[in-house]
Amino acid sequence: MNTLPEIANRLASLCNELKFVEAYTELYADDAVSIDPNNNNEPITGLHNLLEREKQFLAIVDIHDIKVSEATFAGSYFSMVLSMHFTIKGQDPKMLEEICVYKVENGKIVSQQFFIG
């Protein structure tokens, strides 16, 4: 699996199944970079760091529903809209909608950036 559509479809499938850690492990490059407004848009670099951040998030959240749109492609990039209804422990439920933009090189995701509406 290394074409853009294959990677995008696999990522959407794993996200819809709430298999976020598996998505990182399977689809991301070791030196992948993530830019997320929830981290003040400060880049997080390296698969190990991305996995740790994801595990920390999953430890404090209950996800009630998630939907990932069909991907849109341009060159070595693809984007999807992710909608999630969730509750962070001790807080009120939230609804999040974000545009997720991914860059792929050599069959792996090398960068992701999230834009939250």
PDB file of N, CA and C in Angstrom:
ATOM      1  N   MET A   1       0.847  -1.170   0.000  1.00  0.00           N
ATOM      2  CA  MET A   1       0.000   0.000   0.000  1.00  0.00           C
ATOM      3  C   MET A   1       0.895   1.236   0.000  1.00  0.00           C
ATOM      4  N   ASN A   2       0.902   1.953  -1.114  1.00  0.00           N
ATOM      5  CA  ASN A   2       1.717   3.162  -1.123  1.00  0.00           C
ATOM      6  C   ASN A   2       1.189   4.264  -2.034  1.00  0.00           C
ATOM      7  N   THR A   3       0.048   4.049  -2.685  1.00  0.00           N
ATOM      8  CA  THR A   3      -0.512   5.142  -3.467  1.00  0.00           C
ATOM      9  C   THR A   3      -1.272   6.083  -2.539  1.00  0.00           C
ATOM     10  N   LEU A   4      -1.404   7.332  -2.965  1.00  0.00           N
ATOM     11  CA  LEU A   4      -2.132   8.304  -2.162  1.00  0.00           C
ATOM     12  C   LEU A   4      -3.545   7.827  -1.808  1.00  0.00           C
ATOM     13  N   PRO A   5      -4.338   7.361  -2.793  1.00  0.00           N
ATOM     14  CA  PRO A   5      -5.687   6.895  -2.446  1.00  0.00           C
ATOM     15  C   PRO A   5      -5.678   5.718  -1.465  1.00  0.00           C
ATOM     16  N   GLU A   6      -4.735   4.805  -1.610  1.00  0.00           N
ATOM     17  CA  GLU A   6      -4.670   3.670  -0.677  1.00  0.00           C
ATOM     18  C   GLU A   6      -4.366   4.138   0.739  1.00  0.00           C
ATOM     19  N   ILE A   7      -3.421   5.046   0.868  1.00  0.00           N
ATOM     20  CA  ILE A   7      -3.056   5.564   2.185  1.00  0.00           C
ATOM     21  C   ILE A   7      -4.230   6.343   2.791  1.00  0.00           C
ATOM     22  N   ALA A   8      -4.850   7.199   1.995  1.00  0.00           N
ATOM     23  CA  ALA A   8      -5.989   7.994   2.489  1.00  0.00           C
ATOM     24  C   ALA A   8      -7.139   7.094   2.918  1.00  0.00           C
ATOM     25  N   ASN A   9      -7.465   6.095   2.114  1.00  0.00           N
ATOM     26  CA  ASN A   9      -8.563   5.187   2.458  1.00  0.00           C
ATOM     27  C   ASN A   9      -8.258   4.384   3.710  1.00  0.00           C
ATOM     28  N   ARG A  10      -7.009   3.945   3.846  1.00  0.00           N
ATOM     29  CA  ARG A  10      -6.625   3.182   5.031  1.00  0.00           C
ATOM     30  C   ARG A  10      -6.685   4.065   6.272  1.00  0.00           C
ATOM     31  N   LEU A  11      -6.203   5.303   6.160  1.00  0.00           N
ATOM     32  CA  LEU A  11      -6.251   6.221   7.292  1.00  0.00           C
ATOM     33  C   LEU A  11      -7.698   6.476   7.710  1.00  0.00           C
ATOM     34  N   ALA A  12      -8.572   6.738   6.751  1.00  0.00           N
ATOM     35  CA  ALA A  12      -9.985   6.981   7.062  1.00  0.00           C
ATOM     36  C   ALA A  12     -10.604   5.766   7.734  1.00  0.00           C
ATOM     37  N   SER A  13     -10.304   4.591   7.228  1.00  0.00           N
ATOM     38  CA  SER A  13     -10.848   3.363   7.798  1.00  0.00           C
ATOM     39  C   SER A  13     -10.398   3.173   9.244  1.00  0.00           C
ATOM     40  N   LEU A  14      -9.098   3.346   9.496  1.00  0.00           N
ATOM     41  CA  LEU A  14      -8.586   3.173  10.858  1.00  0.00           C
ATOM     42  C   LEU A  14      -9.158   4.229  11.798  1.00  0.00           C
ATOM     43  N   CYS A  15      -9.285   5.462  11.346  1.00  0.00           N
ATOM     44  CA  CYS A  15      -9.863   6.514  12.188  1.00  0.00           C
ATOM     45  C   CYS A  15     -11.327   6.219  12.508  1.00  0.00           C
ATOM     46  N   ASN A  16     -12.083   5.788  11.511  1.00  0.00           N
ATOM     47  CA  ASN A  16     -13.490   5.464  11.738  1.00  0.00           C
ATOM     48  C   ASN A  16     -13.659   4.298  12.706  1.00  0.00           C
ATOM     49  N   GLU A  17     -12.641   3.444  12.812  1.00  0.00           N
ATOM     50  CA  GLU A  17     -12.655   2.321  13.757  1.00  0.00           C
ATOM     51  C   GLU A  17     -12.000   2.685  15.087  1.00  0.00           C
ATOM     52  N   LEU A  18     -11.639   3.961  15.266  1.00  0.00           N
ATOM     53  CA  LEU A  18     -10.977   4.473  16.469  1.00  0.00           C
ATOM     54  C   LEU A  18      -9.614   3.821  16.701  1.00  0.00           C
ATOM     55  N   LYS A  19      -8.940   3.440  15.629  1.00  0.00           N
ATOM     56  CA  LYS A  19      -7.625   2.808  15.709  1.00  0.00           C
ATOM     57  C   LYS A  19      -6.540   3.822  15.343  1.00  0.00           C
ATOM     58  N   PHE A  20      -6.435   4.868  16.169  1.00  0.00           N
ATOM     59  CA  PHE A  20      -5.523   5.967  15.891  1.00  0.00           C
ATOM     60  C   PHE A  20      -4.060   5.560  16.052  1.00  0.00           C
ATOM     61  N   VAL A  21      -3.751   4.818  17.094  1.00  0.00           N
ATOM     62  CA  VAL A  21      -2.370   4.380  17.322  1.00  0.00           C
ATOM     63  C   VAL A  21      -1.920   3.476  16.174  1.00  0.00           C
ATOM     64  N   GLU A  22      -2.794   2.589  15.731  1.00  0.00           N
ATOM     65  CA  GLU A  22      -2.471   1.714  14.605  1.00  0.00           C
ATOM     66  C   GLU A  22      -2.242   2.522  13.333  1.00  0.00           C
ATOM     67  N   ALA A  23      -3.014   3.583  13.151  1.00  0.00           N
ATOM     68  CA  ALA A  23      -2.839   4.439  11.973  1.00  0.00           C
ATOM     69  C   ALA A  23      -1.448   5.052  11.967  1.00  0.00           C
ATOM     70  N   TYR A  24      -1.021   5.588  13.100  1.00  0.00           N
ATOM     71  CA  TYR A  24       0.327   6.156  13.174  1.00  0.00           C
ATOM     72  C   TYR A  24       1.378   5.098  12.897  1.00  0.00           C
ATOM     73  N   THR A  25       1.259   3.965  13.553  1.00  0.00           N
ATOM     74  CA  THR A  25       2.261   2.902  13.432  1.00  0.00           C
ATOM     75  C   THR A  25       2.381   2.387  11.999  1.00  0.00           C
ATOM     76  N   GLU A  26       1.258   2.245  11.341  1.00  0.00           N
ATOM     77  CA  GLU A  26       1.225   1.651  10.004  1.00  0.00           C
ATOM     78  C   GLU A  26       1.537   2.643   8.885  1.00  0.00           C
ATOM     79  N   LEU A  27       1.069   3.876   9.009  1.00  0.00           N
ATOM     80  CA  LEU A  27       1.054   4.784   7.862  1.00  0.00           C
ATOM     81  C   LEU A  27       2.056   5.936   7.906  1.00  0.00           C
ATOM     82  N   TYR A  28       2.664   6.191   9.050  1.00  0.00           N
ATOM     83  CA  TYR A  28       3.505   7.384   9.204  1.00  0.00           C
ATOM     84  C   TYR A  28       4.988   7.051   9.128  1.00  0.00           C
ATOM     85  N   ALA A  29       5.753   7.999   8.583  1.00  0.00           N
ATOM     86  CA  ALA A  29       7.209   7.895   8.540  1.00  0.00           C
ATOM     87  C   ALA A  29       7.777   8.143   9.932  1.00  0.00           C
ATOM     88  N   ASP A  30       8.963   7.603  10.179  1.00  0.00           N
ATOM     89  CA  ASP A  30       9.607   7.765  11.486  1.00  0.00           C
ATOM     90  C   ASP A  30       9.867   9.220  11.832  1.00  0.00           C
ATOM     91  N   ASP A  31      10.069  10.064  10.820  1.00  0.00           N
ATOM     92  CA  ASP A  31      10.372  11.470  11.070  1.00  0.00           C
ATOM     93  C   ASP A  31       9.188  12.388  10.748  1.00  0.00           C
ATOM     94  N   ALA A  32       7.975  11.846  10.820  1.00  0.00           N
ATOM     95  CA  ALA A  32       6.770  12.623  10.510  1.00  0.00           C
ATOM     96  C   ALA A  32       6.640  13.832  11.433  1.00  0.00           C
ATOM     97  N   VAL A  33       5.985  14.870  10.900  1.00  0.00           N
ATOM     98  CA  VAL A  33       5.777  16.124  11.625  1.00  0.00           C
ATOM     99  C   VAL A  33       4.280  16.391  11.703  1.00  0.00           C
ATOM    100  N   SER A  34       3.840  16.890  12.853  1.00  0.00           N
ATOM    101  CA  SER A  34       2.439  17.244  13.042  1.00  0.00           C
ATOM    102  C   SER A  34       2.334  18.681  13.515  1.00  0.00           C
ATOM    103  N   ILE A  35       1.432  19.446  12.887  1.00  0.00           N
ATOM    104  CA  ILE A  35       1.144  20.810  13.313  1.00  0.00           C
ATOM    105  C   ILE A  35      -0.337  20.858  13.678  1.00  0.00           C
ATOM    106  N   ASP A  36      -0.597  21.180  14.948  1.00  0.00           N
ATOM    107  CA  ASP A  36      -1.943  21.079  15.500  1.00  0.00           C
ATOM    108  C   ASP A  36      -2.237  22.330  16.321  1.00  0.00           C
ATOM    109  N   PRO A  37      -3.383  22.993  16.080  1.00  0.00           N
ATOM    110  CA  PRO A  37      -3.721  24.171  16.882  1.00  0.00           C
ATOM    111  C   PRO A  37      -3.854  23.844  18.372  1.00  0.00           C
ATOM    112  N   ASN A  38      -4.148  22.587  18.707  1.00  0.00           N
ATOM    113  CA  ASN A  38      -4.222  22.200  20.112  1.00  0.00           C
ATOM    114  C   ASN A  38      -2.843  22.152  20.766  1.00  0.00           C
ATOM    115  N   ASN A  39      -1.793  22.289  19.967  1.00  0.00           N
ATOM    116  CA  ASN A  39      -0.421  22.370  20.461  1.00  0.00           C
ATOM    117  C   ASN A  39       0.182  23.736  20.068  1.00  0.00           C
ATOM    118  N   ASN A  40      -0.685  24.754  20.008  1.00  0.00           N
ATOM    119  CA  ASN A  40      -0.273  26.119  19.630  1.00  0.00           C
ATOM    120  C   ASN A  40       0.445  26.169  18.282  1.00  0.00           C
ATOM    121  N   ASN A  41       0.111  25.237  17.402  1.00  0.00           N
ATOM    122  CA  ASN A  41       0.714  25.120  16.072  1.00  0.00           C
ATOM    123  C   ASN A  41       2.232  24.940  16.123  1.00  0.00           C
ATOM    124  N   GLU A  42       2.738  24.500  17.265  1.00  0.00           N
ATOM    125  CA  GLU A  42       4.159  24.158  17.388  1.00  0.00           C
ATOM    126  C   GLU A  42       4.355  22.765  16.813  1.00  0.00           C
ATOM    127  N   PRO A  43       5.269  22.591  15.871  1.00  0.00           N
ATOM    128  CA  PRO A  43       5.462  21.267  15.268  1.00  0.00           C
ATOM    129  C   PRO A  43       5.907  20.221  16.295  1.00  0.00           C
ATOM    130  N   ILE A  44       5.339  19.056  16.166  1.00  0.00           N
ATOM    131  CA  ILE A  44       5.781  17.878  16.921  1.00  0.00           C
ATOM    132  C   ILE A  44       6.427  16.966  15.889  1.00  0.00           C
ATOM    133  N   THR A  45       7.656  16.573  16.132  1.00  0.00           N
ATOM    134  CA  THR A  45       8.424  15.808  15.155  1.00  0.00           C
ATOM    135  C   THR A  45       8.766  14.430  15.691  1.00  0.00           C
ATOM    136  N   GLY A  46       8.627  13.443  14.819  1.00  0.00           N
ATOM    137  CA  GLY A  46       9.021  12.078  15.144  1.00  0.00           C
ATOM    138  C   GLY A  46       7.835  11.206  15.501  1.00  0.00           C
ATOM    139  N   LEU A  47       7.810  10.029  14.924  1.00  0.00           N
ATOM    140  CA  LEU A  47       6.708   9.094  15.153  1.00  0.00           C
ATOM    141  C   LEU A  47       6.548   8.774  16.628  1.00  0.00           C
ATOM    142  N   HIS A  48       7.642   8.584  17.345  1.00  0.00           N
ATOM    143  CA  HIS A  48       7.557   8.272  18.776  1.00  0.00           C
ATOM    144  C   HIS A  48       6.796   9.374  19.521  1.00  0.00           C
ATOM    145  N   ASN A  49       7.115  10.623  19.242  1.00  0.00           N
ATOM    146  CA  ASN A  49       6.442  11.744  19.904  1.00  0.00           C
ATOM    147  C   ASN A  49       4.979  11.845  19.505  1.00  0.00           C
ATOM    148  N   LEU A  50       4.673  11.561  18.247  1.00  0.00           N
ATOM    149  CA  LEU A  50       3.274  11.580  17.800  1.00  0.00           C
ATOM    150  C   LEU A  50       2.472  10.486  18.496  1.00  0.00           C
ATOM    151  N   LEU A  51       3.067   9.317  18.626  1.00  0.00           N
ATOM    152  CA  LEU A  51       2.394   8.211  19.314  1.00  0.00           C
ATOM    153  C   LEU A  51       2.155   8.545  20.778  1.00  0.00           C
ATOM    154  N   GLU A  52       3.135   9.128  21.443  1.00  0.00           N
ATOM    155  CA  GLU A  52       2.980   9.484  22.861  1.00  0.00           C
ATOM    156  C   GLU A  52       1.873  10.513  23.040  1.00  0.00           C
ATOM    157  N   ARG A  53       1.846  11.520  22.175  1.00  0.00           N
ATOM    158  CA  ARG A  53       0.790  12.534  22.263  1.00  0.00           C
ATOM    159  C   ARG A  53      -0.583  11.898  22.062  1.00  0.00           C
ATOM    160  N   GLU A  54      -0.686  11.005  21.090  1.00  0.00           N
ATOM    161  CA  GLU A  54      -1.968  10.346  20.814  1.00  0.00           C
ATOM    162  C   GLU A  54      -2.410   9.489  21.986  1.00  0.00           C
ATOM    163  N   LYS A  55      -1.492   8.742  22.574  1.00  0.00           N
ATOM    164  CA  LYS A  55      -1.824   7.884  23.725  1.00  0.00           C
ATOM    165  C   LYS A  55      -2.279   8.733  24.911  1.00  0.00           C
ATOM    166  N   GLN A  56      -1.634   9.873  25.130  1.00  0.00           N
ATOM    167  CA  GLN A  56      -2.036  10.764  26.220  1.00  0.00           C
ATOM    168  C   GLN A  56      -3.443  11.299  25.994  1.00  0.00           C
ATOM    169  N   PHE A  57      -3.750  11.683  24.749  1.00  0.00           N
ATOM    170  CA  PHE A  57      -5.083  12.173  24.419  1.00  0.00           C
ATOM    171  C   PHE A  57      -6.125  11.077  24.629  1.00  0.00           C
ATOM    172  N   LEU A  58      -5.844   9.884  24.123  1.00  0.00           N
ATOM    173  CA  LEU A  58      -6.810   8.793  24.225  1.00  0.00           C
ATOM    174  C   LEU A  58      -7.049   8.366  25.668  1.00  0.00           C
ATOM    175  N   ALA A  59      -6.089   8.606  26.553  1.00  0.00           N
ATOM    176  CA  ALA A  59      -6.235   8.238  27.962  1.00  0.00           C
ATOM    177  C   ALA A  59      -7.224   9.140  28.700  1.00  0.00           C
ATOM    178  N   ILE A  60      -7.504  10.333  28.167  1.00  0.00           N
ATOM    179  CA  ILE A  60      -8.383  11.266  28.870  1.00  0.00           C
ATOM    180  C   ILE A  60      -9.677  11.572  28.126  1.00  0.00           C
ATOM    181  N   VAL A  61      -9.935  10.867  27.040  1.00  0.00           N
ATOM    182  CA  VAL A  61     -11.089  11.215  26.209  1.00  0.00           C
ATOM    183  C   VAL A  61     -11.980   9.990  25.986  1.00  0.00           C
ATOM    184  N   ASP A  62     -13.286  10.252  25.890  1.00  0.00           N
ATOM    185  CA  ASP A  62     -14.253   9.258  25.443  1.00  0.00           C
ATOM    186  C   ASP A  62     -14.804   9.759  24.114  1.00  0.00           C
ATOM    187  N   ILE A  63     -14.611   8.977  23.062  1.00  0.00           N
ATOM    188  CA  ILE A  63     -15.086   9.360  21.732  1.00  0.00           C
ATOM    189  C   ILE A  63     -16.445   8.711  21.511  1.00  0.00           C
ATOM    190  N   HIS A  64     -17.436   9.548  21.252  1.00  0.00           N
ATOM    191  CA  HIS A  64     -18.814   9.069  21.075  1.00  0.00           C
ATOM    192  C   HIS A  64     -19.127   8.777  19.614  1.00  0.00           C
ATOM    193  N   ASP A  65     -18.568   9.593  18.720  1.00  0.00           N
ATOM    194  CA  ASP A  65     -18.845   9.413  17.295  1.00  0.00           C
ATOM    195  C   ASP A  65     -17.731  10.090  16.508  1.00  0.00           C
ATOM    196  N   ILE A  66     -17.394   9.494  15.369  1.00  0.00           N
ATOM    197  CA  ILE A  66     -16.369  10.071  14.502  1.00  0.00           C
ATOM    198  C   ILE A  66     -16.757   9.799  13.055  1.00  0.00           C
ATOM    199  N   LYS A  67     -16.482  10.768  12.210  1.00  0.00           N
ATOM    200  CA  LYS A  67     -16.727  10.615  10.775  1.00  0.00           C
ATOM    201  C   LYS A  67     -15.567  11.241  10.029  1.00  0.00           C
ATOM    202  N   VAL A  68     -15.096  10.545   9.017  1.00  0.00           N
ATOM    203  CA  VAL A  68     -14.020  11.042   8.170  1.00  0.00           C
ATOM    204  C   VAL A  68     -14.546  11.104   6.747  1.00  0.00           C
ATOM    205  N   SER A  69     -14.374  12.235   6.107  1.00  0.00           N
ATOM    206  CA  SER A  69     -14.890  12.430   4.748  1.00  0.00           C
ATOM    207  C   SER A  69     -14.033  11.689   3.724  1.00  0.00           C
ATOM    208  N   GLU A  70     -14.520  11.692   2.503  1.00  0.00           N
ATOM    209  CA  GLU A  70     -13.708  11.223   1.384  1.00  0.00           C
ATOM    210  C   GLU A  70     -12.529  12.174   1.217  1.00  0.00           C
ATOM    211  N   ALA A  71     -11.431  11.653   0.727  1.00  0.00           N
ATOM    212  CA  ALA A  71     -10.227  12.459   0.565  1.00  0.00           C
ATOM    213  C   ALA A  71     -10.271  13.260  -0.738  1.00  0.00           C
ATOM    214  N   THR A  72      -9.592  14.394  -0.720  1.00  0.00           N
ATOM    215  CA  THR A  72      -9.329  15.207  -1.896  1.00  0.00           C
ATOM    216  C   THR A  72      -7.820  15.195  -2.112  1.00  0.00           C
ATOM    217  N   PHE A  73      -7.393  15.051  -3.355  1.00  0.00           N
ATOM    218  CA  PHE A  73      -5.977  14.865  -3.667  1.00  0.00           C
ATOM    219  C   PHE A  73      -5.423  16.002  -4.517  1.00  0.00           C
ATOM    220  N   ALA A  74      -4.154  16.349  -4.253  1.00  0.00           N
ATOM    221  CA  ALA A  74      -3.433  17.328  -5.068  1.00  0.00           C
ATOM    222  C   ALA A  74      -1.945  17.024  -4.935  1.00  0.00           C
ATOM    223  N   GLY A  75      -1.334  16.569  -6.014  1.00  0.00           N
ATOM    224  CA  GLY A  75       0.088  16.236  -5.972  1.00  0.00           C
ATOM    225  C   GLY A  75       0.377  15.168  -4.935  1.00  0.00           C
ATOM    226  N   SER A  76       1.275  15.454  -4.002  1.00  0.00           N
ATOM    227  CA  SER A  76       1.620  14.487  -2.963  1.00  0.00           C
ATOM    228  C   SER A  76       0.834  14.731  -1.673  1.00  0.00           C
ATOM    229  N   TYR A  77      -0.249  15.520  -1.775  1.00  0.00           N
ATOM    230  CA  TYR A  77      -1.067  15.849  -0.610  1.00  0.00           C
ATOM    231  C   TYR A  77      -2.471  15.263  -0.740  1.00  0.00           C
ATOM    232  N   PHE A  78      -3.078  15.022   0.427  1.00  0.00           N
ATOM    233  CA  PHE A  78      -4.514  14.756   0.457  1.00  0.00           C
ATOM    234  C   PHE A  78      -5.089  15.413   1.700  1.00  0.00           C
ATOM    235  N   SER A  79      -6.376  15.704   1.635  1.00  0.00           N
ATOM    236  CA  SER A  79      -7.054  16.306   2.782  1.00  0.00           C
ATOM    237  C   SER A  79      -8.378  15.603   3.013  1.00  0.00           C
ATOM    238  N   MET A  80      -8.816  15.646   4.261  1.00  0.00           N
ATOM    239  CA  MET A  80     -10.091  15.068   4.670  1.00  0.00           C
ATOM    240  C   MET A  80     -10.673  15.945   5.766  1.00  0.00           C
ATOM    241  N   VAL A  81     -11.981  15.874   5.931  1.00  0.00           N
ATOM    242  CA  VAL A  81     -12.634  16.540   7.049  1.00  0.00           C
ATOM    243  C   VAL A  81     -12.927  15.477   8.093  1.00  0.00           C
ATOM    244  N   LEU A  82     -12.504  15.751   9.328  1.00  0.00           N
ATOM    245  CA  LEU A  82     -12.772  14.847  10.435  1.00  0.00           C
ATOM    246  C   LEU A  82     -13.741  15.539  11.383  1.00  0.00           C
ATOM    247  N   SER A  83     -14.830  14.866  11.702  1.00  0.00           N
ATOM    248  CA  SER A  83     -15.807  15.361  12.665  1.00  0.00           C
ATOM    249  C   SER A  83     -15.843  14.384  13.831  1.00  0.00           C
ATOM    250  N   MET A  84     -15.755  14.913  15.051  1.00  0.00           N
ATOM    251  CA  MET A  84     -15.722  14.043  16.214  1.00  0.00           C
ATOM    252  C   MET A  84     -16.550  14.633  17.349  1.00  0.00           C
ATOM    253  N   HIS A  85     -17.389  13.788  17.937  1.00  0.00           N
ATOM    254  CA  HIS A  85     -18.133  14.131  19.142  1.00  0.00           C
ATOM    255  C   HIS A  85     -17.439  13.383  20.270  1.00  0.00           C
ATOM    256  N   PHE A  86     -16.957  14.106  21.283  1.00  0.00           N
ATOM    257  CA  PHE A  86     -16.165  13.472  22.331  1.00  0.00           C
ATOM    258  C   PHE A  86     -16.324  14.218  23.647  1.00  0.00           C
ATOM    259  N   THR A  87     -15.864  13.563  24.713  1.00  0.00           N
ATOM    260  CA  THR A  87     -15.847  14.167  26.032  1.00  0.00           C
ATOM    261  C   THR A  87     -14.471  13.951  26.640  1.00  0.00           C
ATOM    262  N   ILE A  88     -13.832  15.051  27.035  1.00  0.00           N
ATOM    263  CA  ILE A  88     -12.608  14.952  27.818  1.00  0.00           C
ATOM    264  C   ILE A  88     -13.045  14.767  29.260  1.00  0.00           C
ATOM    265  N   LYS A  89     -12.442  13.814  29.938  1.00  0.00           N
ATOM    266  CA  LYS A  89     -12.849  13.487  31.303  1.00  0.00           C
ATOM    267  C   LYS A  89     -12.912  14.747  32.167  1.00  0.00           C
ATOM    268  N   GLY A  90     -14.063  14.912  32.832  1.00  0.00           N
ATOM    269  CA  GLY A  90     -14.269  16.054  33.706  1.00  0.00           C
ATOM    270  C   GLY A  90     -14.794  17.292  33.004  1.00  0.00           C
ATOM    271  N   GLN A  91     -15.048  17.202  31.704  1.00  0.00           N
ATOM    272  CA  GLN A  91     -15.546  18.351  30.949  1.00  0.00           C
ATOM    273  C   GLN A  91     -16.862  18.005  30.266  1.00  0.00           C
ATOM    274  N   ASP A  92     -17.489  19.003  29.706  1.00  0.00           N
ATOM    275  CA  ASP A  92     -18.724  18.796  28.942  1.00  0.00           C
ATOM    276  C   ASP A  92     -18.385  18.207  27.579  1.00  0.00           C
ATOM    277  N   PRO A  93     -19.325  17.482  26.961  1.00  0.00           N
ATOM    278  CA  PRO A  93     -19.096  16.945  25.613  1.00  0.00           C
ATOM    279  C   PRO A  93     -18.802  18.067  24.619  1.00  0.00           C
ATOM    280  N   LYS A  94     -17.997  17.733  23.614  1.00  0.00           N
ATOM    281  CA  LYS A  94     -17.615  18.695  22.588  1.00  0.00           C
ATOM    282  C   LYS A  94     -17.826  18.087  21.208  1.00  0.00           C
ATOM    283  N   MET A  95     -18.013  18.977  20.247  1.00  0.00           N
ATOM    284  CA  MET A  95     -18.071  18.597  18.840  1.00  0.00           C
ATOM    285  C   MET A  95     -16.928  19.313  18.151  1.00  0.00           C
ATOM    286  N   LEU A  96     -16.118  18.563  17.423  1.00  0.00           N
ATOM    287  CA  LEU A  96     -14.954  19.121  16.740  1.00  0.00           C
ATOM    288  C   LEU A  96     -15.084  18.819  15.257  1.00  0.00           C
ATOM    289  N   GLU A  97     -14.778  19.806  14.449  1.00  0.00           N
ATOM    290  CA  GLU A  97     -14.698  19.587  13.014  1.00  0.00           C
ATOM    291  C   GLU A  97     -13.408  20.226  12.541  1.00  0.00           C
ATOM    292  N   GLU A  98     -12.595  19.455  11.811  1.00  0.00           N
ATOM    293  CA  GLU A  98     -11.314  19.967  11.362  1.00  0.00           C
ATOM    294  C   GLU A  98     -10.992  19.477   9.964  1.00  0.00           C
ATOM    295  N   ILE A  99     -10.232  20.302   9.254  1.00  0.00           N
ATOM    296  CA  ILE A  99      -9.667  19.886   7.975  1.00  0.00           C
ATOM    297  C   ILE A  99      -8.281  19.344   8.278  1.00  0.00           C
ATOM    298  N   CYS A 100      -8.003  18.169   7.780  1.00  0.00           N
ATOM    299  CA  CYS A 100      -6.725  17.500   8.004  1.00  0.00           C
ATOM    300  C   CYS A 100      -5.992  17.421   6.665  1.00  0.00           C
ATOM    301  N   VAL A 101      -4.773  17.944   6.618  1.00  0.00           N
ATOM    302  CA  VAL A 101      -3.977  17.945   5.396  1.00  0.00           C
ATOM    303  C   VAL A 101      -2.733  17.098   5.632  1.00  0.00           C
ATOM    304  N   TYR A 102      -2.509  16.152   4.726  1.00  0.00           N
ATOM    305  CA  TYR A 102      -1.408  15.197   4.857  1.00  0.00           C
ATOM    306  C   TYR A 102      -0.501  15.265   3.635  1.00  0.00           C
ATOM    307  N   LYS A 103       0.791  15.111   3.856  1.00  0.00           N
ATOM    308  CA  LYS A 103       1.756  14.993   2.768  1.00  0.00           C
ATOM    309  C   LYS A 103       2.354  13.595   2.827  1.00  0.00           C
ATOM    310  N   VAL A 104       2.478  12.980   1.649  1.00  0.00           N
ATOM    311  CA  VAL A 104       2.998  11.617   1.555  1.00  0.00           C
ATOM    312  C   VAL A 104       4.267  11.621   0.710  1.00  0.00           C
ATOM    313  N   GLU A 105       5.283  10.932   1.206  1.00  0.00           N
ATOM    314  CA  GLU A 105       6.519  10.704   0.453  1.00  0.00           C
ATOM    315  C   GLU A 105       6.933   9.255   0.659  1.00  0.00           C
ATOM    316  N   ASN A 106       7.350   8.604  -0.410  1.00  0.00           N
ATOM    317  CA  ASN A 106       7.829   7.216  -0.340  1.00  0.00           C
ATOM    318  C   ASN A 106       6.845   6.289   0.368  1.00  0.00           C
ATOM    319  N   GLY A 107       5.538   6.509   0.132  1.00  0.00           N
ATOM    320  CA  GLY A 107       4.523   5.611   0.655  1.00  0.00           C
ATOM    321  C   GLY A 107       4.180   5.786   2.118  1.00  0.00           C
ATOM    322  N   LYS A 108       4.640   6.872   2.742  1.00  0.00           N
ATOM    323  CA  LYS A 108       4.349   7.126   4.161  1.00  0.00           C
ATOM    324  C   LYS A 108       3.920   8.578   4.346  1.00  0.00           C
ATOM    325  N   ILE A 109       3.091   8.823   5.339  1.00  0.00           N
ATOM    326  CA  ILE A 109       2.710  10.184   5.687  1.00  0.00           C
ATOM    327  C   ILE A 109       3.899  10.829   6.391  1.00  0.00           C
ATOM    328  N   VAL A 110       4.353  11.969   5.844  1.00  0.00           N
ATOM    329  CA  VAL A 110       5.510  12.659   6.423  1.00  0.00           C
ATOM    330  C   VAL A 110       5.107  13.939   7.167  1.00  0.00           C
ATOM    331  N   SER A 111       3.898  14.432   6.895  1.00  0.00           N
ATOM    332  CA  SER A 111       3.427  15.583   7.649  1.00  0.00           C
ATOM    333  C   SER A 111       1.908  15.605   7.688  1.00  0.00           C
ATOM    334  N   GLN A 112       1.415  16.199   8.764  1.00  0.00           N
ATOM    335  CA  GLN A 112      -0.023  16.425   8.909  1.00  0.00           C
ATOM    336  C   GLN A 112      -0.198  17.779   9.551  1.00  0.00           C
ATOM    337  N   GLN A 113      -1.266  18.459   9.121  1.00  0.00           N
ATOM    338  CA  GLN A 113      -1.612  19.735   9.738  1.00  0.00           C
ATOM    339  C   GLN A 113      -3.118  19.802   9.853  1.00  0.00           C
ATOM    340  N   PHE A 114      -3.582  20.286  11.010  1.00  0.00           N
ATOM    341  CA  PHE A 114      -5.003  20.343  11.289  1.00  0.00           C
ATOM    342  C   PHE A 114      -5.466  21.787  11.377  1.00  0.00           C
ATOM    343  N   PHE A 115      -6.636  22.037  10.793  1.00  0.00           N
ATOM    344  CA  PHE A 115      -7.279  23.348  10.823  1.00  0.00           C
ATOM    345  C   PHE A 115      -8.644  23.155  11.452  1.00  0.00           C
ATOM    346  N   ILE A 116      -8.824  23.698  12.641  1.00  0.00           N
ATOM    347  CA  ILE A 116     -10.054  23.465  13.396  1.00  0.00           C
ATOM    348  C   ILE A 116     -11.010  24.625  13.205  1.00  0.00           C
ATOM    349  N   GLY A 117     -12.272  24.270  12.877  1.00  0.00           N
ATOM    350  CA  GLY A 117     -13.302  25.285  12.678  1.00  0.00           C
ATOM    351  C   GLY A 117     -14.126  25.486  13.916  1.00  0.00           C
TER     352      GLY A 117
END
